[in-house]
Amino acid sequence: MSQEAMDSYDEFLELEMEDMDTLDGELLPDQDMLDRKLYFRELLRLQAELVKLQDWVQATKEKVVIVFEGRDSAGKGGVIKRITQRLNPRVVRVAALPAPNDRERTQWYFQRYVSHLPAGGEIVLFDRSWYNRAGVEHVMGFCTDEEYEEFFRSVPEFERMLVRSGIRLLKYWFSITDEEQHARFMSRIHDPLKQWKLSPMDLQSRVRWERYTHAKEAMLERTHIPEAPWWVVQAVDKKKARLNCISHILDSMPYQEVEREEVVLPERTRHPDYVRHPIPDSMYVPERY
């Protein structure tokens, strides 16, 4: 195996190791864990199909929006990482918006999301989206009851407008149990590499579990429309959730493989008078490894 192929394989494994759940340095048991060989084989196969989807979107100037919603630690970021891992960031980009600033709070609610919508030949993945208003904003009291109800009046028309404009819109809710979220939060608390993922808002979501449940149920019921239906991903098993979600995305797109011209690497041009100037040793990064 070439060094380039080995480096690619190592990169693949590093991403998987980063996402392993640990508690006090020990791996958490997972009786339902998908067979690792099957998981890696299927993930690589699906990522190859995602490359074909990307090429098709570029060639046909399609516009694709995929919304990822779910409770904190439900696995949205994990599937987004696997989708984008082998794709061109100029074609496939992630929109993960922070809390609105003072100016944005005075705008039309959807305005700051509109600026992130795709042009032709682009795919945008929303790591949380305008559905913040139906979830965290409502539960935490960051919006009024009137703003909450106006959101439900507006969002079906907003999404129908997106679809009529030619945007392909997919919406996924990642579903986990109370027990699974508790285990994942404990993993983050005990793992220094993951503690940054925990915010005060995440901790409050544990206190308000039942209120978030009611908010989720209202959101799915009131915004599940034919033009942009919700799809629920069973996400207690992270690996199965990733494969199932990516597979569904691919099944939802009428993409075809785009034929490419054969690439021939040209010979490097060499000039007899070319002299490479030396770089001072002080400019090099120390080779500690």
C-alpha atoms as a PDB file:
ATOM      1  CA  MET A   1       0.000   0.000   0.000  1.00  0.00           C
ATOM      2  CA  SER A   2       1.374   3.446  -0.941  1.00  0.00           C
ATOM      3  CA  GLN A   3       2.209   6.030   1.718  1.00  0.00           C
ATOM      4  CA  GLU A   4      -0.544   8.292   0.359  1.00  0.00           C
ATOM      5  CA  ALA A   5      -3.114   5.526   0.782  1.00  0.00           C
ATOM      6  CA  MET A   6      -1.849   4.755   4.283  1.00  0.00           C
ATOM      7  CA  ASP A   7      -2.121   8.440   5.252  1.00  0.00           C
ATOM      8  CA  SER A   8      -5.697   8.526   3.982  1.00  0.00           C
ATOM      9  CA  TYR A   9      -6.542   5.398   5.977  1.00  0.00           C
ATOM     10  CA  ASP A  10      -4.933   6.845   9.122  1.00  0.00           C
ATOM     11  CA  GLU A  11      -6.967  10.038   8.699  1.00  0.00           C
ATOM     12  CA  PHE A  12     -10.095   7.903   8.500  1.00  0.00           C
ATOM     13  CA  LEU A  13      -9.229   6.030  11.709  1.00  0.00           C
ATOM     14  CA  GLU A  14      -8.300   9.226  13.566  1.00  0.00           C
ATOM     15  CA  LEU A  15     -11.756  10.640  12.939  1.00  0.00           C
ATOM     16  CA  GLU A  16     -13.365   7.469  14.277  1.00  0.00           C
ATOM     17  CA  MET A  17     -11.129   7.404  17.374  1.00  0.00           C
ATOM     18  CA  GLU A  18     -12.012  11.020  18.095  1.00  0.00           C
ATOM     19  CA  ASP A  19     -15.665  10.061  18.398  1.00  0.00           C
ATOM     20  CA  MET A  20     -15.316   7.034  20.685  1.00  0.00           C
ATOM     21  CA  ASP A  21     -17.166   7.385  23.990  1.00  0.00           C
ATOM     22  CA  THR A  22     -15.005   6.950  27.081  1.00  0.00           C
ATOM     23  CA  LEU A  23     -15.582   7.234  30.811  1.00  0.00           C
ATOM     24  CA  ASP A  24     -12.550   7.602  33.096  1.00  0.00           C
ATOM     25  CA  GLY A  25     -10.343   6.451  30.239  1.00  0.00           C
ATOM     26  CA  GLU A  26     -12.333   3.273  29.550  1.00  0.00           C
ATOM     27  CA  LEU A  27     -14.386   2.669  26.441  1.00  0.00           C
ATOM     28  CA  LEU A  28     -18.110   2.566  27.161  1.00  0.00           C
ATOM     29  CA  PRO A  29     -19.680  -0.812  26.326  1.00  0.00           C
ATOM     30  CA  ASP A  30     -22.022  -0.927  23.362  1.00  0.00           C
ATOM     31  CA  GLN A  31     -23.769  -4.272  22.974  1.00  0.00           C
ATOM     32  CA  ASP A  32     -25.537  -3.170  19.807  1.00  0.00           C
ATOM     33  CA  MET A  33     -22.430  -1.782  18.126  1.00  0.00           C
ATOM     34  CA  LEU A  34     -22.393  -2.465  14.427  1.00  0.00           C
ATOM     35  CA  ASP A  35     -19.661  -4.812  13.331  1.00  0.00           C
ATOM     36  CA  ARG A  36     -16.620  -2.600  12.786  1.00  0.00           C
ATOM     37  CA  LYS A  37     -15.570  -4.140   9.475  1.00  0.00           C
ATOM     38  CA  LEU A  38     -19.070  -3.743   8.082  1.00  0.00           C
ATOM     39  CA  TYR A  39     -19.244  -0.173   9.351  1.00  0.00           C
ATOM     40  CA  PHE A  40     -15.942   0.899   7.792  1.00  0.00           C
ATOM     41  CA  ARG A  41     -16.711  -0.889   4.523  1.00  0.00           C
ATOM     42  CA  GLU A  42     -20.155   0.677   4.233  1.00  0.00           C
ATOM     43  CA  LEU A  43     -18.990   4.145   5.269  1.00  0.00           C
ATOM     44  CA  LEU A  44     -16.260   4.152   2.634  1.00  0.00           C
ATOM     45  CA  ARG A  45     -18.734   2.936   0.020  1.00  0.00           C
ATOM     46  CA  LEU A  46     -21.259   5.627   0.937  1.00  0.00           C
ATOM     47  CA  GLN A  47     -18.573   8.324   0.953  1.00  0.00           C
ATOM     48  CA  ALA A  48     -17.634   7.280  -2.579  1.00  0.00           C
ATOM     49  CA  GLU A  49     -21.288   7.765  -3.543  1.00  0.00           C
ATOM     50  CA  LEU A  50     -21.278  11.185  -1.870  1.00  0.00           C
ATOM     51  CA  VAL A  51     -18.425  12.176  -4.184  1.00  0.00           C
ATOM     52  CA  LYS A  52     -20.622  11.175  -7.138  1.00  0.00           C
ATOM     53  CA  LEU A  53     -23.478  13.210  -5.664  1.00  0.00           C
ATOM     54  CA  GLN A  54     -21.167  16.206  -5.296  1.00  0.00           C
ATOM     55  CA  ASP A  55     -20.050  15.919  -8.933  1.00  0.00           C
ATOM     56  CA  TRP A  56     -23.668  15.703 -10.082  1.00  0.00           C
ATOM     57  CA  VAL A  57     -24.673  18.763  -8.049  1.00  0.00           C
ATOM     58  CA  GLN A  58     -21.791  20.713  -9.578  1.00  0.00           C
ATOM     59  CA  ALA A  59     -22.506  19.560 -13.121  1.00  0.00           C
ATOM     60  CA  THR A  60     -26.265  20.207 -12.976  1.00  0.00           C
ATOM     61  CA  LYS A  61     -26.110  23.363 -10.811  1.00  0.00           C
ATOM     62  CA  GLU A  62     -28.493  21.802  -8.315  1.00  0.00           C
ATOM     63  CA  LYS A  63     -29.082  23.539  -4.976  1.00  0.00           C
ATOM     64  CA  VAL A  64     -29.317  21.309  -1.905  1.00  0.00           C
ATOM     65  CA  VAL A  65     -30.081  22.153   1.732  1.00  0.00           C
ATOM     66  CA  ILE A  66     -29.928  19.501   4.446  1.00  0.00           C
ATOM     67  CA  VAL A  67     -31.128  20.409   7.947  1.00  0.00           C
ATOM     68  CA  PHE A  68     -29.828  18.454  10.952  1.00  0.00           C
ATOM     69  CA  GLU A  69     -31.742  18.839  14.212  1.00  0.00           C
ATOM     70  CA  GLY A  70     -31.874  16.899  17.463  1.00  0.00           C
ATOM     71  CA  ARG A  71     -31.087  17.098  21.143  1.00  0.00           C
ATOM     72  CA  ASP A  72     -27.622  18.035  22.352  1.00  0.00           C
ATOM     73  CA  SER A  73     -25.191  15.124  21.781  1.00  0.00           C
ATOM     74  CA  ALA A  74     -27.627  13.362  19.439  1.00  0.00           C
ATOM     75  CA  GLY A  75     -24.923  12.855  16.800  1.00  0.00           C
ATOM     76  CA  LYS A  76     -25.612  15.624  14.281  1.00  0.00           C
ATOM     77  CA  GLY A  77     -21.981  16.747  14.209  1.00  0.00           C
ATOM     78  CA  GLY A  78     -20.752  13.187  13.767  1.00  0.00           C
ATOM     79  CA  VAL A  79     -22.755  12.516  10.627  1.00  0.00           C
ATOM     80  CA  ILE A  80     -21.884  15.947   9.212  1.00  0.00           C
ATOM     81  CA  LYS A  81     -18.176  15.162   9.670  1.00  0.00           C
ATOM     82  CA  ARG A  82     -18.551  11.874   7.784  1.00  0.00           C
ATOM     83  CA  ILE A  83     -20.475  13.553   4.968  1.00  0.00           C
ATOM     84  CA  THR A  84     -17.924  16.327   4.461  1.00  0.00           C
ATOM     85  CA  GLN A  85     -14.773  14.284   5.149  1.00  0.00           C
ATOM     86  CA  ARG A  86     -14.000  13.528   1.492  1.00  0.00           C
ATOM     87  CA  LEU A  87     -15.872  16.331  -0.230  1.00  0.00           C
ATOM     88  CA  ASN A  88     -14.845  19.690  -1.634  1.00  0.00           C
ATOM     89  CA  PRO A  89     -15.506  22.475   0.935  1.00  0.00           C
ATOM     90  CA  ARG A  90     -16.150  24.865  -1.946  1.00  0.00           C
ATOM     91  CA  VAL A  91     -19.117  22.721  -2.964  1.00  0.00           C
ATOM     92  CA  VAL A  92     -20.299  21.293   0.360  1.00  0.00           C
ATOM     93  CA  ARG A  93     -20.231  23.657   3.318  1.00  0.00           C
ATOM     94  CA  VAL A  94     -21.572  23.639   6.851  1.00  0.00           C
ATOM     95  CA  ALA A  95     -23.666  26.450   8.332  1.00  0.00           C
ATOM     96  CA  ALA A  96     -23.512  26.404  12.140  1.00  0.00           C
ATOM     97  CA  LEU A  97     -24.747  29.809  13.206  1.00  0.00           C
ATOM     98  CA  PRO A  98     -24.059  31.242  16.672  1.00  0.00           C
ATOM     99  CA  ALA A  99     -26.705  32.966  18.783  1.00  0.00           C
ATOM    100  CA  PRO A 100     -28.044  36.082  17.013  1.00  0.00           C
ATOM    101  CA  ASN A 101     -26.447  39.412  17.865  1.00  0.00           C
ATOM    102  CA  ASP A 102     -28.373  42.546  18.797  1.00  0.00           C
ATOM    103  CA  ARG A 103     -28.792  43.620  15.176  1.00  0.00           C
ATOM    104  CA  GLU A 104     -29.929  40.185  13.997  1.00  0.00           C
ATOM    105  CA  ARG A 105     -32.558  40.045  16.726  1.00  0.00           C
ATOM    106  CA  THR A 106     -34.304  43.003  15.063  1.00  0.00           C
ATOM    107  CA  GLN A 107     -34.308  41.384  11.591  1.00  0.00           C
ATOM    108  CA  TRP A 108     -36.926  39.190   9.967  1.00  0.00           C
ATOM    109  CA  TYR A 109     -36.333  35.893  11.749  1.00  0.00           C
ATOM    110  CA  PHE A 110     -35.278  33.940   8.637  1.00  0.00           C
ATOM    111  CA  GLN A 111     -33.030  36.695   7.283  1.00  0.00           C
ATOM    112  CA  ARG A 112     -29.722  35.489   8.717  1.00  0.00           C
ATOM    113  CA  TYR A 113     -30.355  31.972   7.438  1.00  0.00           C
ATOM    114  CA  VAL A 114     -31.169  33.118   3.899  1.00  0.00           C
ATOM    115  CA  SER A 115     -27.637  34.452   3.398  1.00  0.00           C
ATOM    116  CA  HIS A 116     -26.300  30.908   3.875  1.00  0.00           C
ATOM    117  CA  LEU A 117     -28.540  29.259   1.279  1.00  0.00           C
ATOM    118  CA  PRO A 118     -26.771  27.613  -1.673  1.00  0.00           C
ATOM    119  CA  ALA A 119     -26.170  28.940  -5.138  1.00  0.00           C
ATOM    120  CA  GLY A 120     -26.286  26.575  -8.091  1.00  0.00           C
ATOM    121  CA  GLY A 121     -23.830  23.708  -7.698  1.00  0.00           C
ATOM    122  CA  GLU A 122     -23.694  23.885  -3.892  1.00  0.00           C
ATOM    123  CA  ILE A 123     -24.806  21.794  -0.912  1.00  0.00           C
ATOM    124  CA  VAL A 124     -25.325  23.450   2.480  1.00  0.00           C
ATOM    125  CA  LEU A 125     -25.580  21.398   5.668  1.00  0.00           C
ATOM    126  CA  PHE A 126     -27.290  23.265   8.517  1.00  0.00           C
ATOM    127  CA  ASP A 127     -25.955  22.084  11.884  1.00  0.00           C
ATOM    128  CA  ARG A 128     -29.077  23.380  13.611  1.00  0.00           C
ATOM    129  CA  SER A 129     -31.193  25.791  11.647  1.00  0.00           C
ATOM    130  CA  TRP A 130     -34.174  28.124  11.764  1.00  0.00           C
ATOM    131  CA  TYR A 131     -35.781  25.434  13.942  1.00  0.00           C
ATOM    132  CA  ASN A 132     -33.882  26.919  16.895  1.00  0.00           C
ATOM    133  CA  ARG A 133     -37.020  28.981  17.457  1.00  0.00           C
ATOM    134  CA  ALA A 134     -39.174  25.868  17.830  1.00  0.00           C
ATOM    135  CA  GLY A 135     -36.656  24.288  20.227  1.00  0.00           C
ATOM    136  CA  VAL A 136     -34.093  26.043  22.376  1.00  0.00           C
ATOM    137  CA  GLU A 137     -35.511  29.555  21.972  1.00  0.00           C
ATOM    138  CA  HIS A 138     -38.979  28.441  23.025  1.00  0.00           C
ATOM    139  CA  VAL A 139     -37.870  26.170  25.870  1.00  0.00           C
ATOM    140  CA  MET A 140     -35.340  28.637  27.301  1.00  0.00           C
ATOM    141  CA  GLY A 141     -37.645  31.649  26.960  1.00  0.00           C
ATOM    142  CA  PHE A 142     -35.525  33.457  24.344  1.00  0.00           C
ATOM    143  CA  CYS A 143     -38.599  34.286  22.260  1.00  0.00           C
ATOM    144  CA  THR A 144     -42.127  35.382  23.101  1.00  0.00           C
ATOM    145  CA  ASP A 145     -45.194  33.195  22.673  1.00  0.00           C
ATOM    146  CA  GLU A 146     -46.245  35.465  19.802  1.00  0.00           C
ATOM    147  CA  GLU A 147     -42.880  34.991  18.034  1.00  0.00           C
ATOM    148  CA  TYR A 148     -43.151  31.242  18.592  1.00  0.00           C
ATOM    149  CA  GLU A 149     -46.600  31.056  17.011  1.00  0.00           C
ATOM    150  CA  GLU A 150     -45.570  33.334  14.153  1.00  0.00           C
ATOM    151  CA  PHE A 151     -42.704  30.949  13.423  1.00  0.00           C
ATOM    152  CA  PHE A 152     -45.138  28.069  12.934  1.00  0.00           C
ATOM    153  CA  ARG A 153     -47.282  30.213  10.648  1.00  0.00           C
ATOM    154  CA  SER A 154     -44.272  31.286   8.596  1.00  0.00           C
ATOM    155  CA  VAL A 155     -42.005  28.267   8.332  1.00  0.00           C
ATOM    156  CA  PRO A 156     -44.218  26.121   6.052  1.00  0.00           C
ATOM    157  CA  GLU A 157     -44.507  29.013   3.592  1.00  0.00           C
ATOM    158  CA  PHE A 158     -40.797  29.766   3.893  1.00  0.00           C
ATOM    159  CA  GLU A 159     -39.878  26.166   3.074  1.00  0.00           C
ATOM    160  CA  ARG A 160     -42.403  25.912   0.252  1.00  0.00           C
ATOM    161  CA  MET A 161     -40.839  29.050  -1.198  1.00  0.00           C
ATOM    162  CA  LEU A 162     -37.367  27.453  -0.994  1.00  0.00           C
ATOM    163  CA  VAL A 163     -38.594  24.322  -2.754  1.00  0.00           C
ATOM    164  CA  ARG A 164     -40.403  26.319  -5.461  1.00  0.00           C
ATOM    165  CA  SER A 165     -37.178  28.225  -6.088  1.00  0.00           C
ATOM    166  CA  GLY A 166     -35.464  24.947  -6.982  1.00  0.00           C
ATOM    167  CA  ILE A 167     -33.784  24.079  -3.672  1.00  0.00           C
ATOM    168  CA  ARG A 168     -33.859  20.422  -2.671  1.00  0.00           C
ATOM    169  CA  LEU A 169     -34.634  20.461   1.060  1.00  0.00           C
ATOM    170  CA  LEU A 170     -34.122  17.540   3.452  1.00  0.00           C
ATOM    171  CA  LYS A 171     -34.812  17.716   7.204  1.00  0.00           C
ATOM    172  CA  TYR A 172     -33.509  15.178   9.721  1.00  0.00           C
ATOM    173  CA  TRP A 173     -34.264  14.817  13.433  1.00  0.00           C
ATOM    174  CA  PHE A 174     -31.737  12.699  15.353  1.00  0.00           C
ATOM    175  CA  SER A 175     -33.551  10.817  18.109  1.00  0.00           C
ATOM    176  CA  ILE A 176     -31.846   9.520  21.267  1.00  0.00           C
ATOM    177  CA  THR A 177     -33.111   8.332  24.631  1.00  0.00           C
ATOM    178  CA  ASP A 178     -32.797  10.054  27.993  1.00  0.00           C
ATOM    179  CA  GLU A 179     -30.342   7.355  29.114  1.00  0.00           C
ATOM    180  CA  GLU A 180     -28.178   7.700  26.017  1.00  0.00           C
ATOM    181  CA  GLN A 181     -27.903  11.465  26.331  1.00  0.00           C
ATOM    182  CA  HIS A 182     -26.910  11.044  29.986  1.00  0.00           C
ATOM    183  CA  ALA A 183     -24.165   8.586  29.005  1.00  0.00           C
ATOM    184  CA  ARG A 184     -22.838  10.905  26.282  1.00  0.00           C
ATOM    185  CA  PHE A 185     -22.828  13.917  28.589  1.00  0.00           C
ATOM    186  CA  MET A 186     -20.928  11.928  31.234  1.00  0.00           C
ATOM    187  CA  SER A 187     -18.428  10.911  28.558  1.00  0.00           C
ATOM    188  CA  ARG A 188     -17.862  14.569  27.677  1.00  0.00           C
ATOM    189  CA  ILE A 189     -17.513  15.578  31.322  1.00  0.00           C
ATOM    190  CA  HIS A 190     -14.757  12.994  31.911  1.00  0.00           C
ATOM    191  CA  ASP A 191     -12.909  13.429  28.604  1.00  0.00           C
ATOM    192  CA  PRO A 192     -10.721  16.584  28.447  1.00  0.00           C
ATOM    193  CA  LEU A 193     -10.774  16.408  24.640  1.00  0.00           C
ATOM    194  CA  LYS A 194     -14.570  16.651  24.607  1.00  0.00           C
ATOM    195  CA  GLN A 195     -15.335  19.027  27.455  1.00  0.00           C
ATOM    196  CA  TRP A 196     -15.470  21.969  25.032  1.00  0.00           C
ATOM    197  CA  LYS A 197     -18.600  20.376  23.551  1.00  0.00           C
ATOM    198  CA  LEU A 198     -20.526  20.989  26.780  1.00  0.00           C
ATOM    199  CA  SER A 199     -22.078  24.428  27.194  1.00  0.00           C
ATOM    200  CA  PRO A 200     -24.265  25.788  30.011  1.00  0.00           C
ATOM    201  CA  MET A 201     -27.169  25.496  27.557  1.00  0.00           C
ATOM    202  CA  ASP A 202     -26.441  21.780  27.098  1.00  0.00           C
ATOM    203  CA  LEU A 203     -26.566  21.232  30.854  1.00  0.00           C
ATOM    204  CA  GLN A 204     -29.879  23.057  31.071  1.00  0.00           C
ATOM    205  CA  SER A 205     -31.264  20.734  28.413  1.00  0.00           C
ATOM    206  CA  ARG A 206     -30.988  17.896  30.936  1.00  0.00           C
ATOM    207  CA  VAL A 207     -33.075  19.814  33.449  1.00  0.00           C
ATOM    208  CA  ARG A 208     -35.663  20.614  30.782  1.00  0.00           C
ATOM    209  CA  TRP A 209     -35.751  17.193  29.084  1.00  0.00           C
ATOM    210  CA  GLU A 210     -39.544  16.912  29.152  1.00  0.00           C
ATOM    211  CA  ARG A 211     -40.077  20.480  27.902  1.00  0.00           C
ATOM    212  CA  TYR A 212     -37.744  19.757  24.989  1.00  0.00           C
ATOM    213  CA  THR A 213     -39.755  16.609  24.273  1.00  0.00           C
ATOM    214  CA  HIS A 214     -43.007  18.589  24.076  1.00  0.00           C
ATOM    215  CA  ALA A 215     -41.308  21.198  21.876  1.00  0.00           C
ATOM    216  CA  LYS A 216     -39.971  18.507  19.536  1.00  0.00           C
ATOM    217  CA  GLU A 217     -43.376  16.856  19.231  1.00  0.00           C
ATOM    218  CA  ALA A 218     -45.051  20.173  18.401  1.00  0.00           C
ATOM    219  CA  MET A 219     -42.343  21.008  15.867  1.00  0.00           C
ATOM    220  CA  LEU A 220     -42.592  17.693  14.020  1.00  0.00           C
ATOM    221  CA  GLU A 221     -46.394  17.823  13.985  1.00  0.00           C
ATOM    222  CA  ARG A 222     -46.689  21.434  12.811  1.00  0.00           C
ATOM    223  CA  THR A 223     -43.867  21.572  10.243  1.00  0.00           C
ATOM    224  CA  HIS A 224     -44.071  18.128   8.607  1.00  0.00           C
ATOM    225  CA  ILE A 225     -45.271  19.221   5.167  1.00  0.00           C
ATOM    226  CA  PRO A 226     -45.352  17.299   1.866  1.00  0.00           C
ATOM    227  CA  GLU A 227     -42.888  19.679   0.228  1.00  0.00           C
ATOM    228  CA  ALA A 228     -40.381  19.282   3.095  1.00  0.00           C
ATOM    229  CA  PRO A 229     -41.179  16.339   5.358  1.00  0.00           C
ATOM    230  CA  TRP A 230     -39.244  15.427   8.492  1.00  0.00           C
ATOM    231  CA  TRP A 231     -37.190  12.243   8.623  1.00  0.00           C
ATOM    232  CA  VAL A 232     -36.397  10.766  12.043  1.00  0.00           C
ATOM    233  CA  VAL A 233     -33.030   9.042  12.474  1.00  0.00           C
ATOM    234  CA  GLN A 234     -32.765   6.492  15.287  1.00  0.00           C
ATOM    235  CA  ALA A 235     -29.452   7.694  16.736  1.00  0.00           C
ATOM    236  CA  VAL A 236     -28.782   5.697  19.919  1.00  0.00           C
ATOM    237  CA  ASP A 237     -26.243   3.698  17.879  1.00  0.00           C
ATOM    238  CA  LYS A 238     -24.044   6.398  16.307  1.00  0.00           C
ATOM    239  CA  LYS A 239     -22.608   4.212  13.587  1.00  0.00           C
ATOM    240  CA  LYS A 240     -25.955   2.903  12.387  1.00  0.00           C
ATOM    241  CA  ALA A 241     -27.339   6.452  12.476  1.00  0.00           C
ATOM    242  CA  ARG A 242     -24.535   7.743  10.239  1.00  0.00           C
ATOM    243  CA  LEU A 243     -24.924   4.983   7.681  1.00  0.00           C
ATOM    244  CA  ASN A 244     -28.726   5.184   7.654  1.00  0.00           C
ATOM    245  CA  CYS A 245     -28.763   8.979   7.287  1.00  0.00           C
ATOM    246  CA  ILE A 246     -26.147   9.123   4.522  1.00  0.00           C
ATOM    247  CA  SER A 247     -27.857   6.268   2.698  1.00  0.00           C
ATOM    248  CA  HIS A 248     -31.200   8.079   2.891  1.00  0.00           C
ATOM    249  CA  ILE A 249     -29.674  11.315   1.583  1.00  0.00           C
ATOM    250  CA  LEU A 250     -28.304   9.436  -1.410  1.00  0.00           C
ATOM    251  CA  ASP A 251     -31.626   7.653  -1.994  1.00  0.00           C
ATOM    252  CA  SER A 252     -33.407  11.025  -1.940  1.00  0.00           C
ATOM    253  CA  MET A 253     -31.333  12.508  -4.769  1.00  0.00           C
ATOM    254  CA  PRO A 254     -31.716  11.535  -8.465  1.00  0.00           C
ATOM    255  CA  TYR A 255     -27.965  11.842  -8.970  1.00  0.00           C
ATOM    256  CA  GLN A 256     -25.990  10.044 -11.660  1.00  0.00           C
ATOM    257  CA  GLU A 257     -22.291   9.482 -12.043  1.00  0.00           C
ATOM    258  CA  VAL A 258     -20.718  12.260 -14.065  1.00  0.00           C
ATOM    259  CA  GLU A 259     -18.185  11.060 -16.581  1.00  0.00           C
ATOM    260  CA  ARG A 260     -14.776  12.654 -16.201  1.00  0.00           C
ATOM    261  CA  GLU A 261     -12.107  13.067 -18.798  1.00  0.00           C
ATOM    262  CA  GLU A 262      -9.055  10.967 -18.148  1.00  0.00           C
ATOM    263  CA  VAL A 263      -6.480  12.988 -16.259  1.00  0.00           C
ATOM    264  CA  VAL A 264      -2.902  12.774 -17.541  1.00  0.00           C
ATOM    265  CA  LEU A 265      -0.200  14.298 -15.379  1.00  0.00           C
ATOM    266  CA  PRO A 266       2.034  16.450 -17.606  1.00  0.00           C
ATOM    267  CA  GLU A 267       5.795  16.329 -17.376  1.00  0.00           C
ATOM    268  CA  ARG A 268       7.355  19.017 -15.248  1.00  0.00           C
ATOM    269  CA  THR A 269       8.985  21.769 -17.255  1.00  0.00           C
ATOM    270  CA  ARG A 270      12.699  22.043 -16.494  1.00  0.00           C
ATOM    271  CA  HIS A 271      14.984  24.962 -17.347  1.00  0.00           C
ATOM    272  CA  PRO A 272      18.761  24.647 -17.198  1.00  0.00           C
ATOM    273  CA  ASP A 273      19.146  28.110 -15.629  1.00  0.00           C
ATOM    274  CA  TYR A 274      16.684  27.398 -12.770  1.00  0.00           C
ATOM    275  CA  VAL A 275      18.331  27.617  -9.354  1.00  0.00           C
ATOM    276  CA  ARG A 276      16.468  26.860  -6.160  1.00  0.00           C
ATOM    277  CA  HIS A 277      17.371  29.352  -3.453  1.00  0.00           C
ATOM    278  CA  PRO A 278      18.158  27.897  -0.028  1.00  0.00           C
ATOM    279  CA  ILE A 279      15.845  28.573   2.924  1.00  0.00           C
ATOM    280  CA  PRO A 280      17.533  29.571   6.207  1.00  0.00           C
ATOM    281  CA  ASP A 281      17.459  26.839   8.861  1.00  0.00           C
ATOM    282  CA  SER A 282      15.860  29.294  11.297  1.00  0.00           C
ATOM    283  CA  MET A 283      12.679  29.311   9.199  1.00  0.00           C
ATOM    284  CA  TYR A 284      11.989  25.588   9.492  1.00  0.00           C
ATOM    285  CA  VAL A 285       9.589  24.165  12.064  1.00  0.00           C
ATOM    286  CA  PRO A 286      11.608  22.039  14.532  1.00  0.00           C
ATOM    287  CA  GLU A 287      11.322  18.338  13.681  1.00  0.00           C
ATOM    288  CA  ARG A 288      10.383  16.918  17.054  1.00  0.00           C
ATOM    289  CA  TYR A 289       8.902  13.748  15.560  1.00  0.00           C
END
